[in-house]
Amino acid sequence: MTTFSRDTADNIRHRLSEVTGQEIRKDTVNTIHGVCYGLLGGKGYGELIESKDIEDFNKATGYKIAFSNGEFTDNPGSSLIECISWLANTGTPLSKIVEYPGWRDVKMSPQRAIEAIKAYKDWKQENSKLDFTDMLQQVKNDSLVPDVDVLMVDEFQDLTTLQHDIFKMWAGEIKHVIIAGDPMQAIYDFWGADPKYFNSFDGEKITLPKSHRLSSAIWQYAKAITKTCGISSPVIETGTHPGIIRRVTHREYMNMRDVWEGGPGKPVFHLVRSNYQAPAITHLLAESGILWTGINGWSLHDIEATNAIISARAGNALKPSEILTLSEHYPNELFNGGKTRTATQDKIKSLNVPQFPGGEGMVSDKLYDILLSKNPVSYMSRAGELKTAKINNALARFNRRISPEDINTSILTIHASKGLEASRVFLHTGITTNLQKAARRGNSEARVFYVGVTRAIDELYLVKDTGYNFSLPAVVA
């Protein structure tokens, strides 16, 4: 079985293992890239390229290209490697490189870009390296087919032109073929995905009779979006729970801070079309002391640093792990350790018992005073405005240690939310001028917002942002 993303593949393996009582491994459920890598022989064929490899390539050739392993992103990026991936996945010849949607940001002349691509290909072969695009191309070139009797492809609507070519090759050799998907959720058009691949598949069609996630109200609204695309929606039974749909202005959204945060078993999503929209929301959540995952969200490092400060403020002895965390955030001169950060951290790692700040301990009196101050983050190395707001406001809000389990709120792009669900969804409808132009040319943007709408279980708020907004159907009370 293949599916689109690693997270989805991991989740399917986990759930199947629970249901069957057997360990489901990657040779049974994987991404199409993972299956292709296995067919090639895995690491015996070549090592997956890393950021250091790109640095080595740039030094060896004089080119300056940014790292990308070829995985799909929400929008075309500025990396030449992403451009290479786009060319391969859409079946676009190298001679038409300037048609890459993100070409303006590549910052190279077409001739130099073509030369760099050829040099990059040669360098990978010489150094036994490959990226995700290479996996697909090589399997297609060598006509490699999995030795199985049944092929199941999940999220079929997301297959690119290159992936669909591979699927057709496999389907011609494998006895039983099952595909699953929703053509309205084909949202990777710019990578070559097309609903026609799903709609043209010749096989018995089975529609799942019930959606346990969607309420009747939210499903009816989703159907209104499909209607704008000229697509008839299947007849399905929805959940019995009531659904709420409201349009809100940006000002109204700003006055809804009391419901921005999720709770245990009741997650909240703040969904944006593009990454550029996220910083404004992240700052709002940070100012409110809300913990979140996703774009610029709380990392484990952030949580550990906050907890170390909380321990110090409570007058507790600091564990060696907490002191080590502080050493990663504060300048070395604030510790009674070695002359370098490495020497100080080696000394911290040798500790066996907790230490109280100050005195002869590793944490100096000066750092202890900083930890007790109103703004302990301002003294951290590389503490930006967002990080300062995140930690300081969390310190003001929580009088206890925090953990990842405290986080029930996410800021995500609509693309990143695919396959996920939340009790309450704030769907921001703002789009760029380029996306507005694309929306006039076809149904791709409608499908993106369809995905956003169908993430909501109980409550859906359509937030009209300042500037351009995607035109969605009216909400019927």
Protein backbone atom coordinates (compact mmCIF):
# COMPACT_ATOMS: atom_id res chain seq x y z
CA MET A 1 0.00 0.00 0.00
CA THR A 2 1.28 3.46 -0.86
CA THR A 3 0.13 6.85 0.36
CA PHE A 4 1.14 10.46 -0.14
CA SER A 5 2.95 11.52 3.04
CA ARG A 6 5.23 9.86 5.59
CA ASP A 7 2.98 10.94 8.47
CA THR A 8 -0.02 9.28 6.83
CA ALA A 9 1.97 6.11 6.13
CA ASP A 10 3.18 6.00 9.74
CA ASN A 11 -0.39 6.45 11.00
CA ILE A 12 -1.77 3.71 8.75
CA ARG A 13 0.95 1.27 9.85
CA HIS A 14 0.24 2.07 13.50
CA ARG A 15 -3.52 1.63 13.15
CA LEU A 16 -3.22 -1.59 11.13
CA SER A 17 -0.81 -2.97 13.71
CA GLU A 18 -3.37 -2.27 16.44
CA VAL A 19 -6.23 -3.88 14.47
CA THR A 20 -4.33 -6.98 13.33
CA GLY A 21 -2.12 -7.50 16.36
CA GLN A 22 0.84 -7.84 13.96
CA GLU A 23 3.67 -5.47 13.20
CA ILE A 24 3.00 -3.73 9.90
CA ARG A 25 6.29 -2.72 8.34
CA LYS A 26 7.34 -0.29 5.64
CA ASP A 27 7.47 -3.07 3.04
CA THR A 28 3.67 -3.30 3.44
CA VAL A 29 2.68 0.37 3.85
CA ASN A 30 4.89 3.22 2.65
CA THR A 31 4.97 6.38 0.57
CA ILE A 32 5.48 5.96 -3.16
CA HIS A 33 8.96 7.40 -2.68
CA GLY A 34 9.66 4.85 0.05
CA VAL A 35 8.49 1.99 -2.17
CA CYS A 36 10.67 3.23 -5.03
CA TYR A 37 13.70 3.58 -2.73
CA GLY A 38 13.18 -0.01 -1.60
CA LEU A 39 12.95 -1.24 -5.20
CA LEU A 40 16.26 0.46 -5.92
CA GLY A 41 17.91 -1.29 -2.98
CA GLY A 42 17.72 1.48 -0.41
CA LYS A 43 21.02 2.77 0.94
CA GLY A 44 22.83 0.15 -1.11
CA TYR A 45 21.82 2.16 -4.17
CA GLY A 46 22.58 5.61 -2.82
CA GLU A 47 22.36 7.87 0.22
CA LEU A 48 19.56 10.42 0.44
CA ILE A 49 20.99 13.87 -0.15
CA GLU A 50 21.34 16.20 2.87
CA SER A 51 22.03 19.90 3.34
CA LYS A 52 25.76 19.29 3.85
CA ASP A 53 25.91 17.58 0.47
CA ILE A 54 24.58 20.73 -1.17
CA GLU A 55 27.29 22.73 0.60
CA ASP A 56 29.88 20.30 -0.77
CA PHE A 57 28.37 20.56 -4.26
CA ASN A 58 28.47 24.36 -4.15
CA LYS A 59 32.12 24.35 -3.01
CA ALA A 60 33.12 21.84 -5.68
CA THR A 61 31.34 23.52 -8.60
CA GLY A 62 31.07 27.20 -7.73
CA TYR A 63 27.27 27.19 -8.02
CA LYS A 64 25.07 28.50 -5.23
CA ILE A 65 21.92 26.45 -4.90
CA ALA A 66 19.75 26.07 -1.80
CA PHE A 67 19.04 22.71 -0.18
CA SER A 68 15.81 20.84 -0.79
CA ASN A 69 15.43 17.07 -0.75
CA GLY A 70 12.71 17.22 -3.41
CA GLU A 71 9.75 16.70 -1.08
CA PHE A 72 6.57 18.54 -2.07
CA THR A 73 5.94 21.94 -0.53
CA ASP A 74 2.73 23.95 -0.35
CA ASN A 75 3.88 26.37 -3.05
CA PRO A 76 6.70 26.51 -5.61
CA GLY A 77 9.92 27.49 -3.85
CA SER A 78 13.07 29.34 -4.87
CA SER A 79 15.39 26.32 -4.74
CA LEU A 80 16.71 25.06 -8.06
CA ILE A 81 16.24 21.54 -6.69
CA GLU A 82 12.51 22.22 -6.30
CA CYS A 83 12.53 23.42 -9.89
CA ILE A 84 14.15 20.12 -10.94
CA SER A 85 11.47 18.21 -9.04
CA TRP A 86 8.75 20.23 -10.75
CA LEU A 87 10.19 19.56 -14.21
CA ALA A 88 10.29 15.81 -13.56
CA ASN A 89 6.91 15.50 -11.85
CA THR A 90 5.03 17.55 -14.43
CA GLY A 91 6.84 16.05 -17.40
CA THR A 92 8.09 19.49 -18.49
CA PRO A 93 11.25 19.42 -20.67
CA LEU A 94 14.37 21.21 -19.45
CA SER A 95 14.13 23.60 -22.40
CA LYS A 96 10.96 25.05 -20.80
CA ILE A 97 12.53 25.65 -17.39
CA VAL A 98 11.25 29.23 -17.23
CA GLU A 99 7.68 27.87 -17.00
CA TYR A 100 8.42 26.74 -13.43
CA PRO A 101 5.86 28.66 -11.27
CA GLY A 102 8.59 29.79 -8.88
CA TRP A 103 11.06 30.73 -11.61
CA ARG A 104 11.19 34.42 -10.69
CA ASP A 105 12.67 33.50 -7.29
CA VAL A 106 15.33 31.12 -8.63
CA LYS A 107 17.58 34.10 -9.44
CA MET A 108 19.51 32.46 -12.32
CA SER A 109 19.54 32.86 -16.06
CA PRO A 110 17.96 29.91 -17.90
CA GLN A 111 21.32 28.91 -19.38
CA ARG A 112 23.15 28.94 -16.05
CA ALA A 113 20.30 27.07 -14.38
CA ILE A 114 20.44 24.33 -17.04
CA GLU A 115 24.21 24.10 -16.61
CA ALA A 116 23.81 23.88 -12.82
CA ILE A 117 21.20 21.12 -13.16
CA LYS A 118 23.51 19.05 -15.35
CA ALA A 119 26.41 19.60 -12.95
CA TYR A 120 24.19 18.64 -10.00
CA LYS A 121 23.13 15.43 -11.76
CA ASP A 122 26.75 14.48 -12.49
CA TRP A 123 27.82 15.28 -8.91
CA LYS A 124 25.10 13.05 -7.45
CA GLN A 125 26.13 10.14 -9.65
CA GLU A 126 29.81 10.56 -8.77
CA ASN A 127 29.02 10.66 -5.03
CA SER A 128 26.25 8.01 -4.95
CA LYS A 129 23.63 10.49 -3.77
CA LEU A 130 20.00 10.82 -4.74
CA ASP A 131 16.93 12.87 -3.86
CA PHE A 132 13.23 12.04 -3.90
CA THR A 133 12.87 12.89 -7.57
CA ASP A 134 15.72 10.53 -8.51
CA MET A 135 13.94 7.65 -6.76
CA LEU A 136 10.89 8.06 -8.97
CA GLN A 137 12.74 8.65 -12.21
CA GLN A 138 15.08 5.69 -11.79
CA VAL A 139 12.24 3.27 -11.01
CA LYS A 140 10.42 4.46 -14.11
CA ASN A 141 13.55 4.25 -16.27
CA ASP A 142 14.39 0.72 -15.02
CA SER A 143 10.73 -0.48 -15.15
CA LEU A 144 10.89 -1.77 -11.55
CA VAL A 145 7.65 -3.22 -10.18
CA PRO A 146 6.86 -4.36 -6.60
CA ASP A 147 6.53 -8.14 -6.26
CA VAL A 148 3.01 -8.14 -4.82
CA ASP A 149 -0.43 -9.46 -5.74
CA VAL A 150 -2.35 -6.44 -4.47
CA LEU A 151 -1.54 -2.76 -4.97
CA MET A 152 -3.46 -0.18 -2.92
CA VAL A 153 -2.87 3.52 -3.55
CA ASP A 154 -4.24 5.99 -1.01
CA GLU A 155 -4.66 9.73 -1.77
CA PHE A 156 -4.64 8.83 -5.47
CA GLN A 157 -5.79 12.31 -6.46
CA ASP A 158 -2.39 13.68 -5.38
CA LEU A 159 -0.35 11.63 -7.86
CA THR A 160 1.80 13.79 -10.12
CA THR A 161 2.31 13.06 -13.82
CA LEU A 162 5.52 11.16 -13.05
CA GLN A 163 3.93 9.21 -10.20
CA HIS A 164 0.92 8.37 -12.36
CA ASP A 165 3.26 7.02 -15.05
CA ILE A 166 4.81 4.74 -12.43
CA PHE A 167 1.37 3.68 -11.19
CA LYS A 168 0.27 2.72 -14.71
CA MET A 169 3.43 0.64 -15.09
CA TRP A 170 2.78 -1.12 -11.79
CA ALA A 171 -0.96 -1.57 -12.42
CA GLY A 172 -0.18 -3.33 -15.69
CA GLU A 173 1.84 -5.99 -13.85
CA ILE A 174 -0.02 -6.41 -10.53
CA LYS A 175 -3.12 -8.62 -10.35
CA HIS A 176 -5.37 -6.58 -8.04
CA VAL A 177 -5.35 -2.77 -7.95
CA ILE A 178 -7.34 -0.57 -5.54
CA ILE A 179 -7.21 3.20 -5.42
CA ALA A 180 -8.70 5.52 -2.81
CA GLY A 181 -9.12 9.26 -2.84
CA ASP A 182 -11.30 12.28 -3.46
CA PRO A 183 -10.82 14.27 -6.68
CA MET A 184 -11.99 17.41 -4.85
CA GLN A 185 -8.89 17.09 -2.66
CA ALA A 186 -6.44 17.24 -5.56
CA ILE A 187 -4.52 20.30 -4.34
CA TYR A 188 -1.04 19.82 -5.77
CA ASP A 189 -1.76 21.06 -9.27
CA PHE A 190 1.51 22.94 -9.53
CA TRP A 191 3.39 19.65 -8.95
CA GLY A 192 1.44 17.96 -11.75
CA ALA A 193 -1.45 16.39 -9.81
CA ASP A 194 -4.71 16.31 -11.73
CA PRO A 195 -8.21 15.06 -10.75
CA LYS A 196 -8.50 13.48 -14.20
CA TYR A 197 -6.14 10.68 -13.15
CA PHE A 198 -8.63 9.62 -10.48
CA ASN A 199 -11.74 10.17 -12.60
CA SER A 200 -10.36 8.23 -15.57
CA PHE A 201 -9.40 5.12 -13.57
CA ASP A 202 -11.27 2.13 -15.00
CA GLY A 203 -12.67 0.12 -12.12
CA GLU A 204 -15.63 -0.49 -9.85
CA LYS A 205 -16.47 2.64 -7.89
CA ILE A 206 -17.36 2.38 -4.20
CA THR A 207 -18.41 5.43 -2.18
CA LEU A 208 -18.04 5.24 1.58
CA PRO A 209 -21.59 5.61 2.90
CA LYS A 210 -20.89 7.76 5.95
CA SER A 211 -18.61 10.54 7.15
CA HIS A 212 -18.10 10.29 10.89
CA ARG A 213 -16.24 13.62 10.94
CA LEU A 214 -18.51 15.98 9.06
CA SER A 215 -21.76 17.40 10.37
CA SER A 216 -24.63 17.87 7.95
CA ALA A 217 -24.16 21.65 7.96
CA ILE A 218 -20.46 21.51 7.10
CA TRP A 219 -20.99 18.82 4.45
CA GLN A 220 -23.73 20.87 2.79
CA TYR A 221 -21.34 23.82 2.64
CA ALA A 222 -18.58 21.62 1.21
CA LYS A 223 -21.05 20.43 -1.46
CA ALA A 224 -21.72 24.06 -2.38
CA ILE A 225 -18.01 24.42 -3.14
CA THR A 226 -17.96 21.28 -5.30
CA LYS A 227 -20.93 22.67 -7.21
CA THR A 228 -18.92 25.75 -8.18
CA CYS A 229 -16.41 23.33 -9.75
CA GLY A 230 -19.11 21.57 -11.74
CA ILE A 231 -18.65 18.39 -9.72
CA SER A 232 -21.57 16.43 -8.30
CA SER A 233 -21.04 15.28 -4.72
CA PRO A 234 -21.85 11.75 -3.57
CA VAL A 235 -24.81 11.09 -1.32
CA ILE A 236 -23.43 10.22 2.11
CA GLU A 237 -24.67 10.03 5.66
CA THR A 238 -23.11 12.59 7.98
CA GLY A 239 -22.55 12.69 11.70
CA THR A 240 -25.44 13.53 14.01
CA HIS A 241 -23.51 16.24 15.83
CA PRO A 242 -24.57 19.85 15.12
CA GLY A 243 -22.27 21.90 12.96
CA ILE A 244 -21.66 25.64 13.15
CA ILE A 245 -20.56 27.75 10.17
CA ARG A 246 -19.99 31.49 10.47
CA ARG A 247 -18.39 34.16 8.38
CA VAL A 248 -16.39 36.59 10.51
CA THR A 249 -14.46 39.73 9.67
CA HIS A 250 -10.86 40.23 10.72
CA ARG A 251 -12.07 42.53 13.51
CA GLU A 252 -14.52 39.91 14.76
CA TYR A 253 -11.76 37.30 14.68
CA MET A 254 -9.58 39.57 16.80
CA ASN A 255 -12.37 39.69 19.41
CA MET A 256 -12.62 35.87 19.60
CA ARG A 257 -9.45 35.29 21.63
CA ASP A 258 -11.35 33.26 24.20
CA VAL A 259 -11.96 30.51 21.61
CA TRP A 260 -8.62 30.62 19.76
CA GLU A 261 -7.23 27.84 21.90
CA GLY A 262 -8.16 24.18 21.86
CA GLY A 263 -8.50 21.82 24.81
CA PRO A 264 -7.90 18.11 25.50
CA GLY A 265 -9.62 16.15 22.75
CA LYS A 266 -10.90 19.40 21.21
CA PRO A 267 -8.13 20.70 18.94
CA VAL A 268 -8.33 24.06 17.17
CA PHE A 269 -6.82 24.84 13.76
CA HIS A 270 -5.94 28.27 12.38
CA LEU A 271 -5.57 27.58 8.65
CA VAL A 272 -3.94 29.90 6.12
CA ARG A 273 -3.54 29.59 2.37
CA SER A 274 0.09 30.74 2.33
CA ASN A 275 2.92 30.92 4.84
CA TYR A 276 3.10 34.71 4.58
CA GLN A 277 -0.20 34.96 6.48
CA ALA A 278 1.03 33.01 9.50
CA PRO A 279 3.36 35.49 11.31
CA ALA A 280 0.51 37.84 12.24
CA ILE A 281 -1.42 34.95 13.79
CA THR A 282 1.61 33.49 15.57
CA HIS A 283 2.26 36.83 17.25
CA LEU A 284 -1.37 37.04 18.37
CA LEU A 285 -1.22 33.58 19.94
CA ALA A 286 2.14 34.35 21.53
CA GLU A 287 0.81 37.57 23.06
CA SER A 288 -2.09 35.56 24.52
CA GLY A 289 0.19 32.96 26.08
CA ILE A 290 -1.30 30.24 23.86
CA LEU A 291 0.89 27.25 23.00
CA TRP A 292 0.64 25.96 19.43
CA THR A 293 2.19 23.58 16.95
CA GLY A 294 2.78 24.07 13.24
CA ILE A 295 4.19 27.23 11.70
CA ASN A 296 6.71 28.83 14.11
CA GLY A 297 5.14 26.71 16.84
CA TRP A 298 6.49 25.54 20.16
CA SER A 299 9.46 23.22 19.77
CA LEU A 300 10.64 20.79 22.45
CA HIS A 301 13.60 23.16 22.96
CA ASP A 302 11.19 26.02 23.70
CA ILE A 303 9.28 23.89 26.21
CA GLU A 304 12.45 22.71 27.95
CA ALA A 305 13.82 26.26 28.22
CA THR A 306 10.53 27.53 29.65
CA ASN A 307 10.39 24.70 32.20
CA ALA A 308 13.97 25.37 33.31
CA ILE A 309 13.03 29.02 33.98
CA ILE A 310 9.89 27.91 35.84
CA SER A 311 11.98 25.58 38.03
CA ALA A 312 14.42 28.35 38.88
CA ARG A 313 11.60 30.76 39.72
CA ALA A 314 10.04 28.16 42.00
CA GLY A 315 13.31 27.94 43.94
CA ASN A 316 13.92 24.35 42.88
CA ALA A 317 17.30 22.79 42.31
CA LEU A 318 17.95 22.56 38.56
CA LYS A 319 18.45 19.14 37.03
CA PRO A 320 21.59 18.67 34.89
CA SER A 321 19.27 18.39 31.83
CA GLU A 322 17.71 21.78 32.69
CA ILE A 323 21.11 23.43 33.13
CA LEU A 324 22.17 21.95 29.77
CA THR A 325 19.04 23.39 28.16
CA LEU A 326 19.83 26.83 29.60
CA SER A 327 23.40 26.58 28.25
CA GLU A 328 21.95 26.18 24.74
CA HIS A 329 19.99 29.42 25.05
CA TYR A 330 22.17 31.77 27.14
CA PRO A 331 25.72 33.10 26.55
CA ASN A 332 28.53 30.94 27.91
CA GLU A 333 29.83 33.69 30.22
CA LEU A 334 26.69 33.33 32.36
CA PHE A 335 27.84 29.88 33.49
CA ASN A 336 30.56 28.83 35.91
CA GLY A 337 31.98 26.42 33.40
CA GLY A 338 34.65 26.27 30.71
CA LYS A 339 35.96 28.93 28.39
CA THR A 340 33.86 27.65 25.52
CA ARG A 341 30.26 26.52 25.27
CA THR A 342 31.41 22.99 24.42
CA ALA A 343 33.63 22.84 27.52
CA THR A 344 30.80 24.13 29.69
CA GLN A 345 28.35 21.61 28.31
CA ASP A 346 30.83 18.76 28.81
CA LYS A 347 31.11 19.81 32.45
CA ILE A 348 27.31 19.96 32.80
CA LYS A 349 26.97 16.47 31.33
CA SER A 350 29.26 15.14 34.06
CA LEU A 351 26.90 16.33 36.80
CA ASN A 352 25.05 13.61 38.71
CA VAL A 353 22.81 15.63 41.02
CA PRO A 354 20.62 18.76 40.70
CA GLN A 355 22.14 22.12 41.62
CA PHE A 356 20.68 25.24 43.14
CA PRO A 357 21.44 28.38 41.10
CA GLY A 358 24.20 30.69 42.34
CA GLY A 359 27.15 30.01 44.58
CA GLU A 360 29.64 27.49 43.22
CA GLY A 361 27.09 25.84 40.94
CA MET A 362 27.15 25.91 37.15
CA VAL A 363 24.46 28.61 36.95
CA SER A 364 25.94 31.97 37.94
CA ASP A 365 24.25 34.48 40.24
CA LYS A 366 23.88 36.80 37.26
CA LEU A 367 22.01 34.19 35.20
CA TYR A 368 19.84 33.38 38.22
CA ASP A 369 18.86 37.06 38.48
CA ILE A 370 18.03 37.02 34.76
CA LEU A 371 15.80 33.96 35.15
CA LEU A 372 13.88 35.76 37.89
CA SER A 373 13.51 38.98 35.88
CA LYS A 374 10.39 40.11 34.01
CA ASN A 375 12.00 39.42 30.63
CA PRO A 376 14.41 36.47 30.93
CA VAL A 377 14.21 35.77 27.21
CA SER A 378 15.78 39.09 26.19
CA TYR A 379 19.15 37.83 27.41
CA MET A 380 19.02 34.65 25.34
CA SER A 381 21.22 34.25 22.30
CA ARG A 382 19.24 34.77 19.06
CA ALA A 383 16.02 35.66 20.85
CA GLY A 384 13.74 37.27 18.32
CA GLU A 385 10.52 39.15 18.91
CA LEU A 386 8.32 36.06 18.48
CA LYS A 387 10.36 33.81 20.76
CA THR A 388 10.44 36.53 23.40
CA ALA A 389 6.65 36.91 23.28
CA LYS A 390 6.07 33.14 23.26
CA ILE A 391 8.09 32.30 26.35
CA ASN A 392 7.50 35.47 28.41
CA ASN A 393 3.72 35.27 28.00
CA ALA A 394 3.69 31.55 28.71
CA LEU A 395 5.67 32.25 31.91
CA ALA A 396 3.10 34.86 32.89
CA ARG A 397 0.22 32.47 32.22
CA PHE A 398 1.45 29.15 33.61
CA ASN A 399 2.56 28.63 37.21
CA ARG A 400 3.55 25.04 36.50
CA ARG A 401 5.70 23.09 34.09
CA ILE A 402 4.30 22.75 30.57
CA SER A 403 4.40 19.74 28.24
CA PRO A 404 3.51 18.86 24.63
CA GLU A 405 0.20 17.53 25.99
CA ASP A 406 -0.75 21.13 26.84
CA ILE A 407 -0.74 22.03 23.15
CA ASN A 408 -4.13 21.67 21.45
CA THR A 409 -3.85 24.51 18.92
CA SER A 410 -2.18 24.52 15.50
CA ILE A 411 -1.33 27.09 12.85
CA LEU A 412 -1.08 25.32 9.50
CA THR A 413 -1.33 25.95 5.81
CA ILE A 414 -4.38 24.31 4.29
CA HIS A 415 -2.05 21.92 2.46
CA ALA A 416 -0.39 20.86 5.71
CA SER A 417 -3.79 20.21 7.32
CA LYS A 418 -4.77 17.65 4.71
CA GLY A 419 -5.72 14.37 6.36
CA LEU A 420 -6.15 16.05 9.77
CA GLU A 421 -9.22 17.26 11.66
CA ALA A 422 -10.10 19.68 14.44
CA SER A 423 -13.15 20.48 16.53
CA ARG A 424 -12.92 24.17 15.65
CA VAL A 425 -11.37 25.58 12.48
CA PHE A 426 -10.60 29.20 11.69
CA LEU A 427 -10.17 29.21 7.91
CA HIS A 428 -8.51 32.41 6.71
CA THR A 429 -9.64 33.19 3.17
CA GLY A 430 -6.95 35.72 2.26
CA ILE A 431 -4.98 34.98 -0.94
CA THR A 432 -2.20 36.65 -2.90
CA THR A 433 -2.79 38.45 -6.19
CA ASN A 434 -1.12 35.54 -8.02
CA LEU A 435 -3.49 33.05 -6.39
CA GLN A 436 -6.39 35.33 -7.24
CA LYS A 437 -5.37 35.17 -10.91
CA ALA A 438 -5.03 31.38 -10.69
CA ALA A 439 -8.52 31.15 -9.15
CA ARG A 440 -9.98 32.80 -12.24
CA ARG A 441 -8.36 30.21 -14.53
CA GLY A 442 -9.70 27.01 -12.97
CA ASN A 443 -10.92 25.12 -9.95
CA SER A 444 -7.62 24.52 -8.16
CA GLU A 445 -8.18 27.15 -5.45
CA ALA A 446 -11.73 25.96 -4.83
CA ARG A 447 -10.35 22.48 -4.15
CA VAL A 448 -7.80 23.88 -1.71
CA PHE A 449 -10.50 25.65 0.30
CA TYR A 450 -12.71 22.55 0.10
CA VAL A 451 -9.94 20.73 1.97
CA GLY A 452 -9.82 23.52 4.55
CA VAL A 453 -13.58 23.44 5.08
CA THR A 454 -13.71 19.67 5.52
CA ARG A 455 -11.14 19.70 8.35
CA ALA A 456 -13.82 21.00 10.74
CA ILE A 457 -15.77 18.63 12.97
CA ASP A 458 -17.98 20.98 15.00
CA GLU A 459 -17.26 24.64 14.23
CA LEU A 460 -16.07 26.40 11.09
CA TYR A 461 -15.27 30.11 11.01
CA LEU A 462 -14.51 31.66 7.61
CA VAL A 463 -12.25 34.60 8.41
CA LYS A 464 -12.23 37.43 5.90
CA ASP A 465 -8.74 38.89 6.00
CA THR A 466 -7.64 42.32 4.87
CA GLY A 467 -6.77 42.51 1.18
CA TYR A 468 -7.76 39.91 -1.42
CA ASN A 469 -9.94 37.00 -0.28
CA PHE A 470 -11.02 33.86 -2.09
CA SER A 471 -14.69 33.98 -3.03
CA LEU A 472 -16.52 31.19 -1.23
CA PRO A 473 -20.26 30.39 -1.41
CA ALA A 474 -22.61 32.24 0.88
CA VAL A 475 -23.33 30.73 4.27
CA VAL A 476 -27.01 29.91 4.62
CA ALA A 477 -28.30 30.34 8.17
